[in-house]
Amino acid sequence: MLRWLRYSVNTFTIYFIAAVEEDEESTLVHYYEYQHNYSGALETVNQVIVSFPGFLPAFIKNMKLLLTLQDWEQTVDTSQRLLQKDKNNLEALRMLTLHSLCREGDFTEVMFK
């Protein structure tokens, strides 16, 4: 029974990834996240960023994955890169606010941003 289950999961994975060929990277990222393979998801998002440097949702996803991996330094760097491209990006501002509150405990900086 266990062999059949392993075969079914592998078969499902192959069909699931092949089902959405036009949005392959996004599907692959979601699959990696579902499997809790955040490093694989991050690698895929980084490939998207290299291919499409102006695609802001990839930067946002990158930022969230870095936060999931608790890499605060790169999360802040990605937030600042995103703000250079879009100075009013709410997700980047939210990440910087979260960093100021959680990691540095600087409430005054958050109030004046």
Protein backbone atom coordinates (compact mmCIF):
# COMPACT_ATOMS: atom_id res chain seq x y z
CA MET A 1 0.00 0.00 0.00
CA LEU A 2 2.80 2.41 0.86
CA ARG A 3 4.45 1.83 -2.52
CA TRP A 4 1.17 2.62 -4.29
CA LEU A 5 0.74 5.80 -2.24
CA ARG A 6 4.28 6.96 -3.07
CA TYR A 7 3.64 6.24 -6.75
CA SER A 8 0.33 8.17 -6.63
CA VAL A 9 1.90 11.21 -4.97
CA ASN A 10 4.74 11.28 -7.50
CA THR A 11 2.31 10.88 -10.40
CA PHE A 12 0.09 13.61 -8.98
CA THR A 13 3.08 15.93 -8.62
CA ILE A 14 4.11 15.41 -12.24
CA TYR A 15 0.58 16.07 -13.53
CA PHE A 16 0.04 19.00 -11.20
CA ILE A 17 3.20 20.78 -12.34
CA ALA A 18 2.49 20.03 -16.00
CA ALA A 19 -1.13 21.23 -15.75
CA VAL A 20 -0.27 24.92 -15.73
CA GLU A 21 2.52 25.26 -18.25
CA GLU A 22 1.95 28.95 -18.92
CA ASP A 23 2.49 29.81 -15.24
CA GLU A 24 5.08 27.17 -14.45
CA GLU A 25 7.26 29.17 -12.07
CA SER A 26 4.31 30.32 -9.97
CA THR A 27 2.91 26.80 -9.80
CA LEU A 28 6.30 25.43 -8.84
CA VAL A 29 6.71 28.05 -6.12
CA HIS A 30 3.30 27.18 -4.66
CA TYR A 31 4.14 23.49 -4.80
CA TYR A 32 7.43 24.06 -2.97
CA GLU A 33 5.63 26.13 -0.35
CA TYR A 34 3.05 23.39 0.11
CA GLN A 35 5.89 20.91 0.65
CA HIS A 36 7.56 23.36 3.10
CA ASN A 37 10.56 23.51 0.77
CA TYR A 38 11.06 27.24 1.12
CA SER A 39 14.62 27.11 -0.22
CA GLY A 40 13.38 25.58 -3.47
CA ALA A 41 10.64 28.19 -3.71
CA LEU A 42 13.15 30.96 -3.09
CA GLU A 43 15.46 29.61 -5.78
CA THR A 44 12.59 29.57 -8.28
CA VAL A 45 11.55 33.13 -7.38
CA ASN A 46 15.15 34.28 -7.77
CA GLN A 47 15.17 32.81 -11.29
CA VAL A 48 12.03 34.80 -12.09
CA ILE A 49 13.64 37.99 -10.74
CA VAL A 50 16.71 37.45 -12.92
CA SER A 51 14.53 36.83 -15.98
CA PHE A 52 12.07 39.67 -15.30
CA PRO A 53 13.74 42.33 -13.09
CA GLY A 54 10.75 44.68 -13.36
CA PHE A 55 8.19 42.12 -12.13
CA LEU A 56 7.40 43.44 -8.65
CA PRO A 57 5.24 40.50 -7.43
CA ALA A 58 8.36 38.31 -7.64
CA PHE A 59 10.18 40.70 -5.30
CA ILE A 60 7.24 40.61 -2.90
CA LYS A 61 7.20 36.81 -2.93
CA ASN A 62 10.97 36.77 -2.45
CA MET A 63 10.63 39.07 0.55
CA LYS A 64 7.95 36.88 2.15
CA LEU A 65 9.94 33.70 1.59
CA LEU A 66 13.01 35.26 3.15
CA LEU A 67 10.92 36.23 6.16
CA THR A 68 9.61 32.66 6.35
CA LEU A 69 13.22 31.46 6.42
CA GLN A 70 13.86 34.08 9.17
CA ASP A 71 16.55 35.78 7.11
CA TRP A 72 15.84 39.28 8.37
CA GLU A 73 18.86 40.93 6.78
CA GLN A 74 17.98 39.82 3.25
CA THR A 75 14.30 40.58 3.90
CA VAL A 76 15.22 44.18 4.70
CA ASP A 77 17.55 44.36 1.67
CA THR A 78 14.80 43.07 -0.62
CA SER A 79 12.33 45.53 0.91
CA GLN A 80 14.70 48.40 0.21
CA ARG A 81 15.29 47.19 -3.37
CA LEU A 82 11.53 47.03 -3.84
CA LEU A 83 11.10 50.55 -2.48
CA GLN A 84 13.71 51.79 -4.97
CA LYS A 85 11.50 50.45 -7.77
CA ASP A 86 8.20 51.55 -6.19
CA LYS A 87 8.53 54.04 -3.33
CA ASN A 88 4.91 53.50 -2.20
CA ASN A 89 4.92 49.70 -2.12
CA LEU A 90 2.85 48.73 0.91
CA GLU A 91 4.31 45.24 1.28
CA ALA A 92 7.86 46.59 1.45
CA LEU A 93 6.83 49.26 3.94
CA ARG A 94 5.03 46.64 5.99
CA MET A 95 8.14 44.43 6.09
CA LEU A 96 10.34 47.31 7.18
CA THR A 97 7.82 48.21 9.87
CA LEU A 98 7.70 44.61 11.04
CA HIS A 99 11.51 44.54 11.20
CA SER A 100 11.63 47.77 13.20
CA LEU A 101 9.07 46.50 15.68
CA CYS A 102 10.10 42.85 16.06
CA ARG A 103 13.85 42.88 15.65
CA GLU A 104 14.90 46.31 16.83
CA GLY A 105 11.99 47.29 19.08
CA ASP A 106 12.12 50.83 17.71
CA PHE A 107 8.58 52.15 18.12
CA THR A 108 9.54 55.77 17.39
CA GLU A 109 10.91 54.88 13.95
CA VAL A 110 7.65 53.11 13.12
CA MET A 111 5.53 56.09 14.20
CA PHE A 112 7.43 58.54 12.01
CA LYS A 113 7.51 56.43 8.83
